[in-house]
């Protein structure tokens, strides 16, 4: 189980506790929908492919570690592919921020905030899912939460 703690009350950058190796961190760029993940002493760069695209890659050096596709802007559903499996990352309840991770329809993990008014998050996944993949799924979930927070702020 991993715990992601925001660096400050206004930050979308997280320190990650509970990893098997070295300390980890997840960062969303302030502008745009790209970012960085540090895990096990390795830096992964997250790139979005096209302004209106729903395609992201998680890259280490010059190779793609994992990629995600979001088919519809209306639903919080991603297909995440790494070298081990094809994962489905989805929010089942439109009123909650909780995400589930599944392989072929079988739940293998979850990503959920620690409470209704916090961004501190618990990632609880089967050990078969590599930690960098878990953090990529968290990064995608945090991206949707930030989008929602910005939409709410713009509406007021």
N, C-alpha and C. Protein backbone atom coordinates (compact mmCIF):
# COMPACT_ATOMS: atom_id res chain seq x y z
N UNK A 1 0.85 -1.18 0.00
CA UNK A 1 0.00 0.00 0.00
C UNK A 1 0.90 1.24 0.00
N UNK A 2 0.58 2.19 -0.88
CA UNK A 2 1.33 3.43 -1.01
C UNK A 2 0.47 4.59 -0.53
N UNK A 3 1.11 5.57 0.08
CA UNK A 3 0.42 6.78 0.52
C UNK A 3 1.04 7.97 -0.19
N UNK A 4 0.21 8.76 -0.87
CA UNK A 4 0.65 9.95 -1.60
C UNK A 4 0.22 11.18 -0.82
N UNK A 5 1.18 12.00 -0.43
CA UNK A 5 0.91 13.17 0.41
C UNK A 5 1.28 14.43 -0.38
N UNK A 6 0.32 15.36 -0.54
CA UNK A 6 0.66 16.60 -1.26
C UNK A 6 1.75 17.38 -0.54
N UNK A 7 2.62 18.02 -1.32
CA UNK A 7 3.73 18.77 -0.73
C UNK A 7 3.27 20.01 0.02
N UNK A 8 2.12 20.56 -0.37
CA UNK A 8 1.53 21.68 0.36
C UNK A 8 0.04 21.70 0.06
N UNK A 9 -0.68 22.58 0.72
CA UNK A 9 -2.13 22.64 0.56
C UNK A 9 -2.54 23.02 -0.86
N UNK A 10 -1.70 23.76 -1.58
CA UNK A 10 -2.04 24.19 -2.93
C UNK A 10 -1.32 23.39 -4.01
N UNK A 11 -0.51 22.45 -3.63
CA UNK A 11 0.34 21.73 -4.58
C UNK A 11 -0.33 20.49 -5.16
N UNK A 12 -0.01 20.21 -6.43
CA UNK A 12 -0.40 18.97 -7.08
C UNK A 12 0.83 18.08 -7.27
N UNK A 13 1.84 18.30 -6.42
CA UNK A 13 3.02 17.44 -6.37
C UNK A 13 2.94 16.64 -5.07
N UNK A 14 3.31 15.36 -5.16
CA UNK A 14 3.11 14.45 -4.03
C UNK A 14 4.39 13.72 -3.67
N UNK A 15 4.63 13.56 -2.38
CA UNK A 15 5.63 12.63 -1.88
C UNK A 15 4.93 11.29 -1.70
N UNK A 16 5.62 10.21 -2.02
CA UNK A 16 5.01 8.89 -1.93
C UNK A 16 5.73 8.07 -0.87
N UNK A 17 4.97 7.54 0.07
CA UNK A 17 5.52 6.71 1.14
C UNK A 17 5.07 5.27 0.95
N UNK A 18 5.91 4.34 1.40
CA UNK A 18 5.56 2.93 1.37
C UNK A 18 6.11 2.16 0.19
N UNK A 19 6.94 2.81 -0.64
CA UNK A 19 7.51 2.10 -1.79
C UNK A 19 8.56 1.10 -1.31
N UNK A 20 8.81 0.10 -2.14
CA UNK A 20 9.77 -0.94 -1.79
C UNK A 20 11.20 -0.43 -1.83
N UNK A 21 11.48 0.52 -2.69
CA UNK A 21 12.84 1.01 -2.86
C UNK A 21 13.04 2.38 -2.26
N UNK A 22 13.70 3.21 -3.02
CA UNK A 22 13.99 4.58 -2.60
C UNK A 22 12.71 5.41 -2.54
N UNK A 23 12.79 6.59 -1.93
CA UNK A 23 11.60 7.46 -1.89
C UNK A 23 11.09 7.75 -3.30
N UNK A 24 9.81 8.01 -3.40
CA UNK A 24 9.17 8.28 -4.69
C UNK A 24 8.41 9.59 -4.62
N UNK A 25 8.15 10.16 -5.80
CA UNK A 25 7.40 11.41 -5.89
C UNK A 25 6.65 11.45 -7.21
N UNK A 26 5.54 12.19 -7.21
CA UNK A 26 4.71 12.37 -8.39
C UNK A 26 4.47 13.86 -8.55
N UNK A 27 4.65 14.38 -9.77
CA UNK A 27 4.47 15.81 -10.01
C UNK A 27 3.66 16.04 -11.27
N UNK A 28 2.69 16.93 -11.19
CA UNK A 28 1.95 17.41 -12.35
C UNK A 28 2.49 18.78 -12.70
N UNK A 29 2.77 19.02 -13.97
CA UNK A 29 3.22 20.34 -14.37
C UNK A 29 2.13 21.36 -14.09
N UNK A 30 2.53 22.58 -13.77
CA UNK A 30 1.56 23.63 -13.43
C UNK A 30 0.67 23.93 -14.62
N UNK A 31 1.26 24.03 -15.81
CA UNK A 31 0.49 24.30 -17.02
C UNK A 31 0.58 23.07 -17.92
N UNK A 32 -0.51 22.70 -18.51
CA UNK A 32 -0.51 21.54 -19.38
C UNK A 32 -0.81 20.27 -18.61
N UNK A 33 -0.77 19.17 -19.34
CA UNK A 33 -1.11 17.88 -18.75
C UNK A 33 0.03 16.90 -18.93
N UNK A 34 1.17 17.28 -18.40
CA UNK A 34 2.37 16.45 -18.42
C UNK A 34 2.93 16.42 -17.01
N UNK A 35 3.97 15.63 -16.79
CA UNK A 35 4.52 15.58 -15.46
C UNK A 35 5.71 14.65 -15.34
N UNK A 36 6.02 14.31 -14.09
CA UNK A 36 7.19 13.50 -13.78
C UNK A 36 6.86 12.57 -12.63
N UNK A 37 7.43 11.37 -12.70
CA UNK A 37 7.35 10.41 -11.60
C UNK A 37 8.77 9.97 -11.28
N UNK A 38 9.13 9.99 -9.99
CA UNK A 38 10.39 9.44 -9.52
C UNK A 38 10.06 8.20 -8.71
N UNK A 39 10.67 7.08 -9.09
CA UNK A 39 10.38 5.84 -8.37
C UNK A 39 11.61 4.93 -8.45
N UNK A 40 12.10 4.48 -7.31
CA UNK A 40 13.24 3.56 -7.29
C UNK A 40 14.50 4.16 -7.87
N UNK A 41 14.66 5.47 -7.72
CA UNK A 41 15.84 6.14 -8.25
C UNK A 41 15.78 6.41 -9.74
N UNK A 42 14.66 6.14 -10.38
CA UNK A 42 14.49 6.35 -11.82
C UNK A 42 13.49 7.47 -12.05
N UNK A 43 13.81 8.35 -13.00
CA UNK A 43 12.88 9.43 -13.36
C UNK A 43 12.12 9.02 -14.62
N UNK A 44 10.80 9.13 -14.54
CA UNK A 44 9.92 8.87 -15.67
C UNK A 44 9.27 10.19 -16.07
N UNK A 45 9.22 10.45 -17.35
CA UNK A 45 8.60 11.67 -17.87
C UNK A 45 7.25 11.29 -18.46
N UNK A 46 6.22 12.04 -18.13
CA UNK A 46 4.89 11.79 -18.68
C UNK A 46 4.60 12.87 -19.72
N UNK A 47 4.30 12.40 -20.93
CA UNK A 47 4.02 13.31 -22.04
C UNK A 47 2.62 13.08 -22.56
N UNK A 48 1.96 14.17 -22.90
CA UNK A 48 0.65 14.09 -23.58
C UNK A 48 0.91 14.26 -25.07
N UNK A 49 0.24 13.46 -25.87
CA UNK A 49 0.46 13.47 -27.32
C UNK A 49 -0.67 14.21 -28.01
N UNK A 50 -0.53 15.52 -28.10
CA UNK A 50 -1.53 16.36 -28.75
C UNK A 50 -2.43 17.06 -27.76
N UNK A 51 -2.75 18.30 -28.07
CA UNK A 51 -3.51 19.14 -27.15
C UNK A 51 -4.87 18.55 -26.83
N UNK A 52 -5.60 18.04 -27.81
CA UNK A 52 -6.92 17.46 -27.58
C UNK A 52 -6.87 15.93 -27.48
N UNK A 53 -5.70 15.39 -27.46
CA UNK A 53 -5.53 13.95 -27.42
C UNK A 53 -5.83 13.40 -26.03
N UNK A 54 -6.25 12.15 -25.99
CA UNK A 54 -6.41 11.43 -24.73
C UNK A 54 -5.34 10.36 -24.61
N UNK A 55 -4.12 10.66 -25.07
CA UNK A 55 -3.03 9.70 -25.09
C UNK A 55 -1.82 10.26 -24.33
N UNK A 56 -1.39 9.51 -23.32
CA UNK A 56 -0.21 9.87 -22.54
C UNK A 56 0.78 8.70 -22.56
N UNK A 57 2.06 9.03 -22.52
CA UNK A 57 3.08 7.99 -22.35
C UNK A 57 3.93 8.32 -21.13
N UNK A 58 4.37 7.26 -20.48
CA UNK A 58 5.31 7.36 -19.35
C UNK A 58 6.63 6.82 -19.88
N UNK A 59 7.62 7.71 -19.98
CA UNK A 59 8.86 7.37 -20.65
C UNK A 59 10.04 7.42 -19.68
N UNK A 60 10.95 6.49 -19.89
CA UNK A 60 12.20 6.45 -19.12
C UNK A 60 13.32 6.45 -20.14
N UNK A 61 14.15 7.49 -20.10
CA UNK A 61 15.18 7.71 -21.12
C UNK A 61 14.48 7.82 -22.47
N UNK A 62 14.80 6.96 -23.42
CA UNK A 62 14.19 7.04 -24.74
C UNK A 62 13.17 5.95 -25.01
N UNK A 63 12.74 5.24 -23.97
CA UNK A 63 11.79 4.16 -24.20
C UNK A 63 10.49 4.41 -23.43
N UNK A 64 9.40 3.86 -23.96
CA UNK A 64 8.09 4.00 -23.34
C UNK A 64 7.94 2.88 -22.31
N UNK A 65 7.70 3.26 -21.07
CA UNK A 65 7.47 2.28 -20.00
C UNK A 65 6.00 1.85 -19.98
N UNK A 66 5.10 2.84 -20.12
CA UNK A 66 3.65 2.56 -20.11
C UNK A 66 2.96 3.66 -20.89
N UNK A 67 1.73 3.37 -21.31
CA UNK A 67 0.94 4.39 -21.98
C UNK A 67 -0.51 4.28 -21.55
N UNK A 68 -1.22 5.39 -21.69
CA UNK A 68 -2.63 5.44 -21.29
C UNK A 68 -3.44 6.10 -22.39
N UNK A 69 -4.65 5.57 -22.57
CA UNK A 69 -5.60 6.13 -23.54
C UNK A 69 -6.90 6.43 -22.82
N UNK A 70 -7.42 7.63 -23.08
CA UNK A 70 -8.73 8.03 -22.57
C UNK A 70 -9.60 8.29 -23.79
N UNK A 71 -10.54 7.38 -24.05
CA UNK A 71 -11.33 7.42 -25.27
C UNK A 71 -12.36 8.55 -25.28
N UNK A 72 -12.96 8.86 -24.12
CA UNK A 72 -14.04 9.83 -24.07
C UNK A 72 -13.77 10.88 -23.01
N UNK A 73 -14.04 12.12 -23.37
CA UNK A 73 -13.91 13.20 -22.39
C UNK A 73 -15.02 13.16 -21.35
N UNK A 74 -16.08 12.41 -21.62
CA UNK A 74 -17.24 12.37 -20.73
C UNK A 74 -17.09 11.39 -19.57
N UNK A 75 -16.21 10.41 -19.70
CA UNK A 75 -16.10 9.37 -18.69
C UNK A 75 -14.69 9.33 -18.10
N UNK A 76 -14.61 9.02 -16.82
CA UNK A 76 -13.32 8.88 -16.15
C UNK A 76 -12.87 7.43 -16.27
N UNK A 77 -12.38 7.09 -17.46
CA UNK A 77 -11.95 5.74 -17.78
C UNK A 77 -10.70 5.82 -18.65
N UNK A 78 -9.65 5.09 -18.24
CA UNK A 78 -8.41 5.02 -18.99
C UNK A 78 -8.06 3.55 -19.23
N UNK A 79 -7.45 3.27 -20.36
CA UNK A 79 -6.79 1.99 -20.58
C UNK A 79 -5.30 2.26 -20.41
N UNK A 80 -4.66 1.53 -19.52
CA UNK A 80 -3.24 1.70 -19.23
C UNK A 80 -2.53 0.41 -19.59
N UNK A 81 -1.50 0.53 -20.43
CA UNK A 81 -0.75 -0.63 -20.88
C UNK A 81 0.71 -0.48 -20.46
N UNK A 82 1.23 -1.49 -19.78
CA UNK A 82 2.67 -1.56 -19.54
C UNK A 82 3.15 -2.90 -20.07
N UNK A 83 4.37 -3.30 -19.78
CA UNK A 83 4.90 -4.55 -20.33
C UNK A 83 4.28 -5.79 -19.68
N UNK A 84 3.55 -5.61 -18.57
CA UNK A 84 3.00 -6.76 -17.86
C UNK A 84 1.54 -7.04 -18.19
N UNK A 85 0.74 -6.00 -18.46
CA UNK A 85 -0.70 -6.21 -18.65
C UNK A 85 -1.38 -4.96 -19.21
N UNK A 86 -2.64 -5.14 -19.57
CA UNK A 86 -3.52 -4.04 -19.94
C UNK A 86 -4.46 -3.81 -18.77
N UNK A 87 -4.42 -2.61 -18.22
CA UNK A 87 -5.21 -2.26 -17.03
C UNK A 87 -6.35 -1.34 -17.42
N UNK A 88 -7.45 -1.44 -16.68
CA UNK A 88 -8.56 -0.51 -16.81
C UNK A 88 -8.59 0.33 -15.54
N UNK A 89 -8.44 1.63 -15.71
CA UNK A 89 -8.50 2.57 -14.59
C UNK A 89 -9.80 3.33 -14.72
N UNK A 90 -10.71 3.16 -13.76
CA UNK A 90 -12.01 3.80 -13.90
C UNK A 90 -12.58 4.24 -12.56
N UNK A 91 -13.38 5.31 -12.63
CA UNK A 91 -14.14 5.78 -11.48
C UNK A 91 -15.55 5.26 -11.64
N UNK A 92 -15.94 4.33 -10.79
CA UNK A 92 -17.24 3.67 -10.92
C UNK A 92 -18.40 4.57 -10.50
N UNK A 93 -18.17 5.40 -9.48
CA UNK A 93 -19.21 6.28 -8.95
C UNK A 93 -18.90 7.71 -9.39
N UNK A 94 -19.79 8.36 -10.13
CA UNK A 94 -19.51 9.72 -10.61
C UNK A 94 -19.44 10.76 -9.49
N UNK A 95 -19.92 10.43 -8.31
CA UNK A 95 -19.91 11.38 -7.20
C UNK A 95 -18.68 11.25 -6.31
N UNK A 96 -17.91 10.20 -6.48
CA UNK A 96 -16.72 9.97 -5.65
C UNK A 96 -15.45 10.09 -6.48
N UNK A 97 -14.35 10.35 -5.80
CA UNK A 97 -13.06 10.47 -6.48
C UNK A 97 -12.31 9.14 -6.56
N UNK A 98 -12.87 8.09 -6.01
CA UNK A 98 -12.19 6.79 -5.98
C UNK A 98 -12.10 6.17 -7.38
N UNK A 99 -10.93 5.62 -7.67
CA UNK A 99 -10.70 4.88 -8.91
C UNK A 99 -10.42 3.43 -8.59
N UNK A 100 -10.80 2.56 -9.51
CA UNK A 100 -10.48 1.14 -9.41
C UNK A 100 -9.56 0.77 -10.56
N UNK A 101 -8.66 -0.17 -10.29
CA UNK A 101 -7.77 -0.70 -11.31
C UNK A 101 -8.18 -2.15 -11.52
N UNK A 102 -8.39 -2.53 -12.78
CA UNK A 102 -8.83 -3.89 -13.09
C UNK A 102 -8.02 -4.44 -14.25
N UNK A 103 -7.91 -5.77 -14.28
CA UNK A 103 -7.34 -6.50 -15.41
C UNK A 103 -8.44 -7.44 -15.90
N UNK A 104 -8.85 -7.28 -17.15
CA UNK A 104 -9.91 -8.10 -17.75
C UNK A 104 -11.16 -8.14 -16.86
N UNK A 105 -11.50 -6.99 -16.29
CA UNK A 105 -12.71 -6.89 -15.47
C UNK A 105 -12.55 -7.31 -14.02
N UNK A 106 -11.40 -7.85 -13.64
CA UNK A 106 -11.16 -8.27 -12.26
C UNK A 106 -10.40 -7.19 -11.51
N UNK A 107 -10.97 -6.69 -10.43
CA UNK A 107 -10.35 -5.62 -9.64
C UNK A 107 -9.04 -6.11 -9.04
N UNK A 108 -7.97 -5.32 -9.26
CA UNK A 108 -6.66 -5.64 -8.71
C UNK A 108 -6.10 -4.49 -7.87
N UNK A 109 -6.86 -3.40 -7.75
CA UNK A 109 -6.37 -2.29 -6.94
C UNK A 109 -7.35 -1.13 -6.91
N UNK A 110 -7.01 -0.16 -6.06
CA UNK A 110 -7.83 1.05 -5.94
C UNK A 110 -6.94 2.25 -5.61
N UNK A 111 -7.45 3.41 -5.98
CA UNK A 111 -6.81 4.70 -5.68
C UNK A 111 -7.89 5.57 -5.09
N UNK A 112 -7.72 5.97 -3.83
CA UNK A 112 -8.78 6.73 -3.16
C UNK A 112 -8.20 7.77 -2.22
N UNK A 113 -8.78 8.98 -2.23
CA UNK A 113 -8.37 9.99 -1.25
C UNK A 113 -8.65 9.50 0.17
N UNK A 114 -7.85 9.99 1.11
CA UNK A 114 -8.01 9.60 2.51
C UNK A 114 -9.27 10.15 3.14
N UNK A 115 -9.93 11.10 2.50
CA UNK A 115 -11.16 11.69 3.03
C UNK A 115 -11.76 12.62 2.00
N UNK A 116 -12.95 13.18 2.30
CA UNK A 116 -13.64 14.02 1.32
C UNK A 116 -12.96 15.38 1.08
N UNK A 117 -12.16 15.85 2.01
CA UNK A 117 -11.60 17.19 1.88
C UNK A 117 -10.08 17.19 1.82
N UNK A 118 -9.50 16.09 1.37
CA UNK A 118 -8.05 15.99 1.32
C UNK A 118 -7.60 15.42 -0.02
N UNK A 119 -6.37 15.75 -0.41
CA UNK A 119 -5.77 15.14 -1.59
C UNK A 119 -4.82 14.02 -1.20
N UNK A 120 -4.58 13.83 0.10
CA UNK A 120 -3.77 12.68 0.51
C UNK A 120 -4.47 11.42 0.02
N UNK A 121 -3.73 10.52 -0.60
CA UNK A 121 -4.34 9.40 -1.31
C UNK A 121 -3.68 8.08 -0.94
N UNK A 122 -4.49 7.04 -0.90
CA UNK A 122 -4.01 5.69 -0.65
C UNK A 122 -4.12 4.90 -1.96
N UNK A 123 -3.02 4.26 -2.35
CA UNK A 123 -3.00 3.35 -3.49
C UNK A 123 -2.87 1.95 -2.92
N UNK A 124 -3.87 1.13 -3.14
CA UNK A 124 -3.88 -0.23 -2.60
C UNK A 124 -4.02 -1.21 -3.77
N UNK A 125 -2.91 -1.83 -4.17
CA UNK A 125 -2.89 -2.70 -5.34
C UNK A 125 -2.28 -4.05 -5.02
N UNK A 126 -2.66 -5.05 -5.81
CA UNK A 126 -2.01 -6.35 -5.73
C UNK A 126 -0.52 -6.18 -6.01
N UNK A 127 0.32 -7.00 -5.39
CA UNK A 127 1.76 -6.86 -5.59
C UNK A 127 2.21 -7.14 -7.03
N UNK A 128 1.37 -7.77 -7.85
CA UNK A 128 1.73 -8.06 -9.23
C UNK A 128 1.84 -6.80 -10.09
N UNK A 129 1.24 -5.70 -9.63
CA UNK A 129 1.30 -4.45 -10.39
C UNK A 129 2.57 -3.70 -9.99
N UNK A 130 3.46 -3.44 -10.94
CA UNK A 130 4.70 -2.72 -10.61
C UNK A 130 4.41 -1.33 -10.03
N UNK A 131 5.24 -0.92 -9.07
CA UNK A 131 5.04 0.39 -8.44
C UNK A 131 5.03 1.55 -9.43
N UNK A 132 5.91 1.58 -10.44
CA UNK A 132 5.81 2.69 -11.40
C UNK A 132 4.46 2.73 -12.12
N UNK A 133 3.88 1.59 -12.42
CA UNK A 133 2.56 1.55 -13.06
C UNK A 133 1.49 2.05 -12.09
N UNK A 134 1.58 1.66 -10.83
CA UNK A 134 0.64 2.17 -9.83
C UNK A 134 0.71 3.69 -9.76
N UNK A 135 1.94 4.24 -9.78
CA UNK A 135 2.10 5.69 -9.69
C UNK A 135 1.62 6.39 -10.96
N UNK A 136 1.76 5.75 -12.11
CA UNK A 136 1.22 6.31 -13.35
C UNK A 136 -0.31 6.37 -13.27
N UNK A 137 -0.93 5.32 -12.77
CA UNK A 137 -2.39 5.33 -12.58
C UNK A 137 -2.81 6.43 -11.61
N UNK A 138 -2.04 6.59 -10.53
CA UNK A 138 -2.33 7.68 -9.59
C UNK A 138 -2.19 9.03 -10.27
N UNK A 139 -1.14 9.20 -11.08
CA UNK A 139 -0.93 10.46 -11.79
C UNK A 139 -2.14 10.79 -12.66
N UNK A 140 -2.67 9.80 -13.36
CA UNK A 140 -3.86 10.02 -14.20
C UNK A 140 -5.07 10.40 -13.35
N UNK A 141 -5.25 9.73 -12.21
CA UNK A 141 -6.36 10.06 -11.32
C UNK A 141 -6.21 11.49 -10.79
N UNK A 142 -5.01 11.85 -10.35
CA UNK A 142 -4.76 13.20 -9.84
C UNK A 142 -5.00 14.25 -10.92
N UNK A 143 -4.68 13.91 -12.16
CA UNK A 143 -4.93 14.83 -13.26
C UNK A 143 -6.43 15.12 -13.39
N UNK A 144 -7.26 14.09 -13.29
CA UNK A 144 -8.71 14.31 -13.39
C UNK A 144 -9.22 15.11 -12.19
N UNK A 145 -8.64 14.87 -11.01
CA UNK A 145 -9.05 15.64 -9.83
C UNK A 145 -8.68 17.10 -10.00
N UNK A 146 -7.49 17.37 -10.54
CA UNK A 146 -7.07 18.76 -10.75
C UNK A 146 -7.97 19.42 -11.80
N UNK A 147 -8.30 18.71 -12.87
CA UNK A 147 -9.23 19.26 -13.88
C UNK A 147 -10.54 19.67 -13.22
N UNK A 148 -11.10 18.79 -12.39
CA UNK A 148 -12.37 19.07 -11.71
C UNK A 148 -12.24 20.27 -10.78
N UNK A 149 -11.14 20.36 -10.05
CA UNK A 149 -10.93 21.48 -9.13
C UNK A 149 -10.84 22.79 -9.90
N UNK A 150 -10.16 22.78 -11.03
CA UNK A 150 -10.05 23.99 -11.85
C UNK A 150 -11.39 24.37 -12.46
N UNK A 151 -12.19 23.38 -12.87
CA UNK A 151 -13.52 23.67 -13.42
C UNK A 151 -14.42 24.27 -12.36
N UNK A 152 -14.35 23.73 -11.14
CA UNK A 152 -15.15 24.26 -10.04
C UNK A 152 -14.74 25.69 -9.72
N UNK A 153 -13.44 25.96 -9.72
CA UNK A 153 -12.96 27.31 -9.41
C UNK A 153 -13.37 28.30 -10.50
N UNK A 154 -13.35 27.86 -11.75
CA UNK A 154 -13.72 28.76 -12.85
C UNK A 154 -15.23 29.05 -12.85
N UNK A 155 -16.01 28.12 -12.33
CA UNK A 155 -17.48 28.29 -12.31
C UNK A 155 -17.93 29.28 -11.24
N UNK A 156 -17.09 29.54 -10.26
CA UNK A 156 -17.49 30.45 -9.18
C UNK A 156 -17.07 31.86 -9.43
